[in-house]
Each structure stands twice: as structure tokens, then as C-alpha cells.
PDB file of all heavy atoms in Angstrom:
ATOM      1  N   VAL A   1     -39.791  84.084 -91.960  1.00  0.00           N
ATOM      2  CA  VAL A   1     -39.644  84.929 -93.131  1.00  0.00           C
ATOM      3  C   VAL A   1     -38.370  85.774 -92.985  1.00  0.00           C
ATOM      4  O   VAL A   1     -37.661  85.877 -94.075  1.00  0.00           O
ATOM      5  CB  VAL A   1     -40.902  85.844 -93.253  1.00  0.00           C
ATOM      6  CG1 VAL A   1     -40.637  86.915 -94.399  1.00  0.00           C
ATOM      7  CG2 VAL A   1     -42.082  85.113 -93.570  1.00  0.00           C
ATOM      8  N   THR A   2     -38.039  86.240 -91.789  1.00  0.00           N
ATOM      9  CA  THR A   2     -36.870  87.042 -91.641  1.00  0.00           C
ATOM     10  C   THR A   2     -35.561  86.186 -91.956  1.00  0.00           C
ATOM     11  O   THR A   2     -34.625  86.728 -92.561  1.00  0.00           O
ATOM     12  CB  THR A   2     -36.707  87.532 -90.101  1.00  0.00           C
ATOM     13  OG1 THR A   2     -37.938  88.302 -89.930  1.00  0.00           O
ATOM     14  CG2 THR A   2     -35.562  88.280 -89.879  1.00  0.00           C
ATOM     15  N   LEU A   3     -35.544  84.974 -91.515  1.00  0.00           N
ATOM     16  CA  LEU A   3     -34.430  84.023 -91.702  1.00  0.00           C
ATOM     17  C   LEU A   3     -34.216  83.855 -93.260  1.00  0.00           C
ATOM     18  O   LEU A   3     -33.054  83.944 -93.784  1.00  0.00           O
ATOM     19  CB  LEU A   3     -34.629  82.710 -91.110  1.00  0.00           C
ATOM     20  CG  LEU A   3     -33.635  81.699 -91.345  1.00  0.00           C
ATOM     21  CD1 LEU A   3     -32.450  81.981 -90.369  1.00  0.00           C
ATOM     22  CD2 LEU A   3     -34.105  80.247 -90.870  1.00  0.00           C
ATOM     23  N   LEU A   4     -35.283  83.652 -94.065  1.00  0.00           N
ATOM     24  CA  LEU A   4     -35.161  83.434 -95.492  1.00  0.00           C
ATOM     25  C   LEU A   4     -34.800  84.712 -96.107  1.00  0.00           C
ATOM     26  O   LEU A   4     -34.059  84.767 -97.104  1.00  0.00           O
ATOM     27  CB  LEU A   4     -36.592  82.915 -95.969  1.00  0.00           C
ATOM     28  CG  LEU A   4     -36.905  81.517 -95.457  1.00  0.00           C
ATOM     29  CD1 LEU A   4     -38.310  81.137 -96.005  1.00  0.00           C
ATOM     30  CD2 LEU A   4     -35.835  80.600 -95.937  1.00  0.00           C
ATOM     31  N   VAL A   5     -35.315  85.871 -95.670  1.00  0.00           N
ATOM     32  CA  VAL A   5     -34.770  87.204 -96.237  1.00  0.00           C
ATOM     33  C   VAL A   5     -33.315  87.433 -96.086  1.00  0.00           C
ATOM     34  O   VAL A   5     -32.636  87.766 -96.990  1.00  0.00           O
ATOM     35  CB  VAL A   5     -35.621  88.300 -95.625  1.00  0.00           C
ATOM     36  CG1 VAL A   5     -34.986  89.698 -96.055  1.00  0.00           C
ATOM     37  CG2 VAL A   5     -37.066  88.281 -96.126  1.00  0.00           C
ATOM     38  N   MET A   6     -32.890  87.102 -94.889  1.00  0.00           N
ATOM     39  CA  MET A   6     -31.476  87.216 -94.583  1.00  0.00           C
ATOM     40  C   MET A   6     -30.547  86.257 -95.548  1.00  0.00           C
ATOM     41  O   MET A   6     -29.638  86.688 -96.019  1.00  0.00           O
ATOM     42  CB  MET A   6     -31.143  86.878 -93.013  1.00  0.00           C
ATOM     43  CG  MET A   6     -29.658  87.004 -92.732  1.00  0.00           C
ATOM     44  SD  MET A   6     -29.089  88.679 -92.776  1.00  0.00           S
ATOM     45  CE  MET A   6     -27.510  88.466 -91.869  1.00  0.00           C
ATOM     46  N   ALA A   7     -31.048  85.010 -95.560  1.00  0.00           N
ATOM     47  CA  ALA A   7     -30.441  84.008 -96.403  1.00  0.00           C
ATOM     48  C   ALA A   7     -30.258  84.497 -97.895  1.00  0.00           C
ATOM     49  O   ALA A   7     -29.288  84.334 -98.529  1.00  0.00           O
ATOM     50  CB  ALA A   7     -31.081  82.700 -96.373  1.00  0.00           C
ATOM     51  N   LEU A   8     -31.404  85.103 -98.403  1.00  0.00           N
ATOM     52  CA  LEU A   8     -31.308  85.438 -99.873  1.00  0.00           C
ATOM     53  C   LEU A   8     -30.502  86.781 -99.996  1.00  0.00           C
ATOM     54  O   LEU A   8     -29.763  86.859-101.045  1.00  0.00           O
ATOM     55  CB  LEU A   8     -32.841  85.871-100.347  1.00  0.00           C
ATOM     56  CG  LEU A   8     -33.715  84.570-100.524  1.00  0.00           C
ATOM     57  CD1 LEU A   8     -35.117  85.081-100.678  1.00  0.00           C
ATOM     58  CD2 LEU A   8     -33.297  83.748-101.633  1.00  0.00           C
ATOM     59  N   LEU A   9     -30.480  87.673 -99.102  1.00  0.00           N
ATOM     60  CA  LEU A   9     -29.750  88.930 -99.188  1.00  0.00           C
ATOM     61  C   LEU A   9     -28.226  88.805 -98.874  1.00  0.00           C
ATOM     62  O   LEU A   9     -27.499  89.242 -99.764  1.00  0.00           O
ATOM     63  CB  LEU A   9     -30.392  89.958 -98.368  1.00  0.00           C
ATOM     64  CG  LEU A   9     -31.679  90.568 -98.826  1.00  0.00           C
ATOM     65  CD1 LEU A   9     -32.102  91.668 -97.872  1.00  0.00           C
ATOM     66  CD2 LEU A   9     -31.480  91.189-100.289  1.00  0.00           C
ATOM     67  N   HIS A  10     -27.890  88.089 -97.833  1.00  0.00           N
ATOM     68  CA  HIS A  10     -26.450  88.222 -97.408  1.00  0.00           C
ATOM     69  C   HIS A  10     -25.628  87.022 -97.964  1.00  0.00           C
ATOM     70  O   HIS A  10     -24.863  87.244 -98.896  1.00  0.00           O
ATOM     71  CB  HIS A  10     -26.346  88.284 -95.884  1.00  0.00           C
ATOM     72  CG  HIS A  10     -24.990  88.493 -95.440  1.00  0.00           C
ATOM     73  ND1 HIS A  10     -23.823  88.744 -96.285  1.00  0.00           N
ATOM     74  CD2 HIS A  10     -24.334  88.244 -94.182  1.00  0.00           C
ATOM     75  CE1 HIS A  10     -22.745  88.786 -95.537  1.00  0.00           C
ATOM     76  NE2 HIS A  10     -22.990  88.479 -94.358  1.00  0.00           N
ATOM     77  N   PRO A  11     -25.860  85.799 -97.630  1.00  0.00           N
ATOM     78  CA  PRO A  11     -25.092  84.635 -98.176  1.00  0.00           C
ATOM     79  C   PRO A  11     -25.221  84.645 -99.671  1.00  0.00           C
ATOM     80  O   PRO A  11     -24.217  84.250-100.433  1.00  0.00           O
ATOM     81  CB  PRO A  11     -25.563  83.491 -97.489  1.00  0.00           C
ATOM     82  CG  PRO A  11     -26.202  83.923 -96.198  1.00  0.00           C
ATOM     83  CD  PRO A  11     -26.833  85.264 -96.485  1.00  0.00           C
ATOM     84  N   LEU A  12     -26.398  84.788-100.138  1.00  0.00           N
ATOM     85  CA  LEU A  12     -26.613  84.498-101.554  1.00  0.00           C
ATOM     86  C   LEU A  12     -26.253  85.735-102.350  1.00  0.00           C
ATOM     87  O   LEU A  12     -25.361  85.671-103.227  1.00  0.00           O
ATOM     88  CB  LEU A  12     -28.057  84.063-101.842  1.00  0.00           C
ATOM     89  CG  LEU A  12     -28.403  83.711-103.335  1.00  0.00           C
ATOM     90  CD1 LEU A  12     -27.517  82.528-103.639  1.00  0.00           C
ATOM     91  CD2 LEU A  12     -29.854  83.330-103.473  1.00  0.00           C
ATOM     92  N   PHE A  13     -26.946  86.843-102.289  1.00  0.00           N
ATOM     93  CA  PHE A  13     -26.838  87.956-103.184  1.00  0.00           C
ATOM     94  C   PHE A  13     -25.613  88.813-102.893  1.00  0.00           C
ATOM     95  O   PHE A  13     -24.668  88.975-103.738  1.00  0.00           O
ATOM     96  CB  PHE A  13     -28.068  88.873-103.201  1.00  0.00           C
ATOM     97  CG  PHE A  13     -27.921  90.050-104.067  1.00  0.00           C
ATOM     98  CD1 PHE A  13     -27.989  89.865-105.421  1.00  0.00           C
ATOM     99  CD2 PHE A  13     -27.750  91.274-103.558  1.00  0.00           C
ATOM    100  CE1 PHE A  13     -27.791  90.960-106.265  1.00  0.00           C
ATOM    101  CE2 PHE A  13     -27.653  92.410-104.410  1.00  0.00           C
ATOM    102  CZ  PHE A  13     -27.690  92.231-105.735  1.00  0.00           C
ATOM    103  N   ILE A  14     -25.472  89.276-101.642  1.00  0.00           N
ATOM    104  CA  ILE A  14     -24.431  90.198-101.305  1.00  0.00           C
ATOM    105  C   ILE A  14     -23.014  89.545-101.433  1.00  0.00           C
ATOM    106  O   ILE A  14     -22.114  89.968-102.042  1.00  0.00           O
ATOM    107  CB  ILE A  14     -24.577  90.920 -99.935  1.00  0.00           C
ATOM    108  CG1 ILE A  14     -25.846  91.754 -99.976  1.00  0.00           C
ATOM    109  CG2 ILE A  14     -23.427  91.770 -99.607  1.00  0.00           C
ATOM    110  CD1 ILE A  14     -26.251  92.304 -98.591  1.00  0.00           C
ATOM    111  N   THR A  15     -22.923  88.356-100.612  1.00  0.00           N
ATOM    112  CA  THR A  15     -21.658  87.653-100.635  1.00  0.00           C
ATOM    113  C   THR A  15     -21.117  87.204-102.045  1.00  0.00           C
ATOM    114  O   THR A  15     -20.049  87.437-102.459  1.00  0.00           O
ATOM    115  CB  THR A  15     -21.804  86.501 -99.686  1.00  0.00           C
ATOM    116  OG1 THR A  15     -21.995  86.972 -98.478  1.00  0.00           O
ATOM    117  CG2 THR A  15     -20.415  85.683 -99.655  1.00  0.00           C
ATOM    118  N   THR A  16     -22.059  86.622-102.765  1.00  0.00           N
ATOM    119  CA  THR A  16     -21.858  86.075-104.148  1.00  0.00           C
ATOM    120  C   THR A  16     -21.311  87.254-105.023  1.00  0.00           C
ATOM    121  O   THR A  16     -20.375  87.077-105.792  1.00  0.00           O
ATOM    122  CB  THR A  16     -22.936  85.316-104.628  1.00  0.00           C
ATOM    123  OG1 THR A  16     -23.311  84.259-103.819  1.00  0.00           O
ATOM    124  CG2 THR A  16     -22.664  84.719-106.135  1.00  0.00           C
ATOM    125  N   SER A  17     -22.134  88.403-104.963  1.00  0.00           N
ATOM    126  CA  SER A  17     -21.831  89.468-105.871  1.00  0.00           C
ATOM    127  C   SER A  17     -20.365  90.055-105.550  1.00  0.00           C
ATOM    128  O   SER A  17     -19.582  90.377-106.567  1.00  0.00           O
ATOM    129  CB  SER A  17     -22.771  90.590-105.608  1.00  0.00           C
ATOM    130  OG  SER A  17     -24.096  90.165-106.020  1.00  0.00           O
ATOM    131  N   ILE A  18     -20.105  90.257-104.237  1.00  0.00           N
ATOM    132  CA  ILE A  18     -18.723  90.780-103.910  1.00  0.00           C
ATOM    133  C   ILE A  18     -17.643  89.765-104.368  1.00  0.00           C
ATOM    134  O   ILE A  18     -16.536  90.144-104.862  1.00  0.00           O
ATOM    135  CB  ILE A  18     -18.651  91.034-102.506  1.00  0.00           C
ATOM    136  CG1 ILE A  18     -19.594  92.193-101.980  1.00  0.00           C
ATOM    137  CG2 ILE A  18     -17.165  91.494-102.005  1.00  0.00           C
ATOM    138  CD1 ILE A  18     -19.711  92.373-100.558  1.00  0.00           C
ATOM    139  N   LYS A  19     -17.878  88.489-104.162  1.00  0.00           N
ATOM    140  CA  LYS A  19     -16.935  87.451-104.477  1.00  0.00           C
ATOM    141  C   LYS A  19     -16.583  87.569-105.921  1.00  0.00           C
ATOM    142  O   LYS A  19     -15.320  87.591-106.327  1.00  0.00           O
ATOM    143  CB  LYS A  19     -17.512  86.012-104.275  1.00  0.00           C
ATOM    144  CG  LYS A  19     -17.359  85.453-102.815  1.00  0.00           C
ATOM    145  CD  LYS A  19     -17.971  84.115-102.902  1.00  0.00           C
ATOM    146  CE  LYS A  19     -17.896  83.400-101.501  1.00  0.00           C
ATOM    147  NZ  LYS A  19     -16.452  83.022-101.209  1.00  0.00           N
ATOM    148  N   LEU A  20     -17.485  87.631-106.826  1.00  0.00           N
ATOM    149  CA  LEU A  20     -17.302  87.583-108.233  1.00  0.00           C
ATOM    150  C   LEU A  20     -16.676  88.989-108.690  1.00  0.00           C
ATOM    151  O   LEU A  20     -15.748  88.841-109.549  1.00  0.00           O
ATOM    152  CB  LEU A  20     -18.649  87.438-108.986  1.00  0.00           C
ATOM    153  CG  LEU A  20     -19.343  86.188-108.711  1.00  0.00           C
ATOM    154  CD1 LEU A  20     -20.751  86.085-109.421  1.00  0.00           C
ATOM    155  CD2 LEU A  20     -18.472  84.913-109.203  1.00  0.00           C
ATOM    156  N   LEU A  21     -16.995  90.074-108.020  1.00  0.00           N
ATOM    157  CA  LEU A  21     -16.440  91.335-108.514  1.00  0.00           C
ATOM    158  C   LEU A  21     -14.963  91.581-107.886  1.00  0.00           C
ATOM    159  O   LEU A  21     -14.118  92.232-108.511  1.00  0.00           O
ATOM    160  CB  LEU A  21     -17.338  92.467-108.088  1.00  0.00           C
ATOM    161  CG  LEU A  21     -18.732  92.523-108.774  1.00  0.00           C
ATOM    162  CD1 LEU A  21     -19.586  93.592-108.103  1.00  0.00           C
ATOM    163  CD2 LEU A  21     -18.544  92.829-110.190  1.00  0.00           C
ATOM    164  N   TRP A  22     -14.750  91.103-106.600  1.00  0.00           N
ATOM    165  CA  TRP A  22     -13.525  91.454-105.966  1.00  0.00           C
ATOM    166  C   TRP A  22     -12.397  90.557-106.415  1.00  0.00           C
ATOM    167  O   TRP A  22     -11.221  91.112-106.562  1.00  0.00           O
ATOM    168  CB  TRP A  22     -13.757  91.199-104.419  1.00  0.00           C
ATOM    169  CG  TRP A  22     -12.988  92.247-103.562  1.00  0.00           C
ATOM    170  CD1 TRP A  22     -11.779  91.934-102.858  1.00  0.00           C
ATOM    171  CD2 TRP A  22     -13.283  93.626-103.355  1.00  0.00           C
ATOM    172  NE1 TRP A  22     -11.439  93.149-102.167  1.00  0.00           N
ATOM    173  CE2 TRP A  22     -12.360  94.121-102.562  1.00  0.00           C
ATOM    174  CE3 TRP A  22     -14.316  94.431-103.895  1.00  0.00           C
ATOM    175  CZ2 TRP A  22     -12.346  95.485-102.178  1.00  0.00           C
ATOM    176  CZ3 TRP A  22     -14.305  95.785-103.551  1.00  0.00           C
ATOM    177  CH2 TRP A  22     -13.326  96.216-102.641  1.00  0.00           C
ATOM    178  N   GLY A  23     -12.598  89.284-106.782  1.00  0.00           N
ATOM    179  CA  GLY A  23     -11.478  88.507-107.347  1.00  0.00           C
ATOM    180  C   GLY A  23     -10.367  88.255-106.483  1.00  0.00           C
ATOM    181  O   GLY A  23      -9.202  88.111-107.020  1.00  0.00           O
ATOM    182  N   ARG A  24     -10.479  88.008-105.169  1.00  0.00           N
ATOM    183  CA  ARG A  24      -9.336  87.789-104.293  1.00  0.00           C
ATOM    184  C   ARG A  24      -9.120  86.196-104.337  1.00  0.00           C
ATOM    185  O   ARG A  24     -10.088  85.481-104.116  1.00  0.00           O
ATOM    186  CB  ARG A  24      -9.659  88.202-102.821  1.00  0.00           C
ATOM    187  CG  ARG A  24      -8.397  88.079-101.976  1.00  0.00           C
ATOM    188  CD  ARG A  24      -8.856  88.357-100.509  1.00  0.00           C
ATOM    189  NE  ARG A  24      -7.604  88.730 -99.745  1.00  0.00           N
ATOM    190  CZ  ARG A  24      -7.601  88.902 -98.415  1.00  0.00           C
ATOM    191  NH1 ARG A  24      -8.722  88.750 -97.647  1.00  0.00           N
ATOM    192  NH2 ARG A  24      -6.523  89.168 -97.766  1.00  0.00           N
ATOM    193  N   GLN A  25      -7.889  85.936-104.546  1.00  0.00           N
ATOM    194  CA  GLN A  25      -7.580  84.408-104.673  1.00  0.00           C
ATOM    195  C   GLN A  25      -7.445  83.905-103.283  1.00  0.00           C
ATOM    196  O   GLN A  25      -6.943  84.470-102.323  1.00  0.00           O
ATOM    197  CB  GLN A  25      -6.179  84.200-105.403  1.00  0.00           C
ATOM    198  CG  GLN A  25      -6.244  84.654-106.916  1.00  0.00           C
ATOM    199  CD  GLN A  25      -5.119  84.051-107.667  1.00  0.00           C
ATOM    200  OE1 GLN A  25      -3.951  84.259-107.227  1.00  0.00           O
ATOM    201  NE2 GLN A  25      -5.299  83.518-108.851  1.00  0.00           N
ATOM    202  N   ARG A  26      -7.901  82.606-103.224  1.00  0.00           N
ATOM    203  CA  ARG A  26      -7.824  81.808-101.984  1.00  0.00           C
ATOM    204  C   ARG A  26      -6.416  81.449-101.645  1.00  0.00           C
ATOM    205  O   ARG A  26      -5.578  81.375-102.667  1.00  0.00           O
ATOM    206  CB  ARG A  26      -8.577  80.544-102.128  1.00  0.00           C
ATOM    207  CG  ARG A  26     -10.107  80.746-102.414  1.00  0.00           C
ATOM    208  CD  ARG A  26     -10.836  79.527-102.483  1.00  0.00           C
ATOM    209  NE  ARG A  26     -12.177  79.579-102.940  1.00  0.00           N
ATOM    210  CZ  ARG A  26     -13.197  79.773-102.138  1.00  0.00           C
ATOM    211  NH1 ARG A  26     -13.111  79.938-100.848  1.00  0.00           N
ATOM    212  NH2 ARG A  26     -14.488  79.742-102.740  1.00  0.00           N
ATOM    213  N   PHE A  27      -6.128  81.162-100.431  1.00  0.00           N
ATOM    214  CA  PHE A  27      -4.725  80.895-100.017  1.00  0.00           C
ATOM    215  C   PHE A  27      -4.284  79.584-100.822  1.00  0.00           C
ATOM    216  O   PHE A  27      -3.071  79.572-101.347  1.00  0.00           O
ATOM    217  CB  PHE A  27      -4.662  80.577 -98.484  1.00  0.00           C
ATOM    218  CG  PHE A  27      -3.243  80.149 -98.085  1.00  0.00           C
ATOM    219  CD1 PHE A  27      -2.268  81.079 -97.867  1.00  0.00           C
ATOM    220  CD2 PHE A  27      -2.978  78.730 -97.801  1.00  0.00           C
ATOM    221  CE1 PHE A  27      -0.983  80.719 -97.467  1.00  0.00           C
ATOM    222  CE2 PHE A  27      -1.658  78.455 -97.405  1.00  0.00           C
ATOM    223  CZ  PHE A  27      -0.730  79.480 -97.265  1.00  0.00           C
ATOM    224  N   VAL A  28      -5.051  78.607-100.875  1.00  0.00           N
ATOM    225  CA  VAL A  28      -4.802  77.321-101.652  1.00  0.00           C
ATOM    226  C   VAL A  28      -4.497  77.601-103.163  1.00  0.00           C
ATOM    227  O   VAL A  28      -3.828  76.765-103.805  1.00  0.00           O
ATOM    228  CB  VAL A  28      -5.817  76.269-101.527  1.00  0.00           C
ATOM    229  CG1 VAL A  28      -5.842  75.779-100.124  1.00  0.00           C
ATOM    230  CG2 VAL A  28      -7.138  76.802-101.939  1.00  0.00           C
TER     231      VAL A  28
END
């Protein structure tokens, strides 16, 4: 359960939200 909670909160929700809001362009 802990693994799945982490997966939902960090890689999915937190990271995705920051990505979309921050708008930093990749090197490529």
C-alpha cells in the first residue's frame, strides 16, 4: 500500500503538476 501511495503522490501527482506549471524546457 505504501509503495502505491508513493507512486500516486510523487511521480504522478506532484511531479506532473510541477512539470506543467514550471515550464522548464529540456536541453534537447
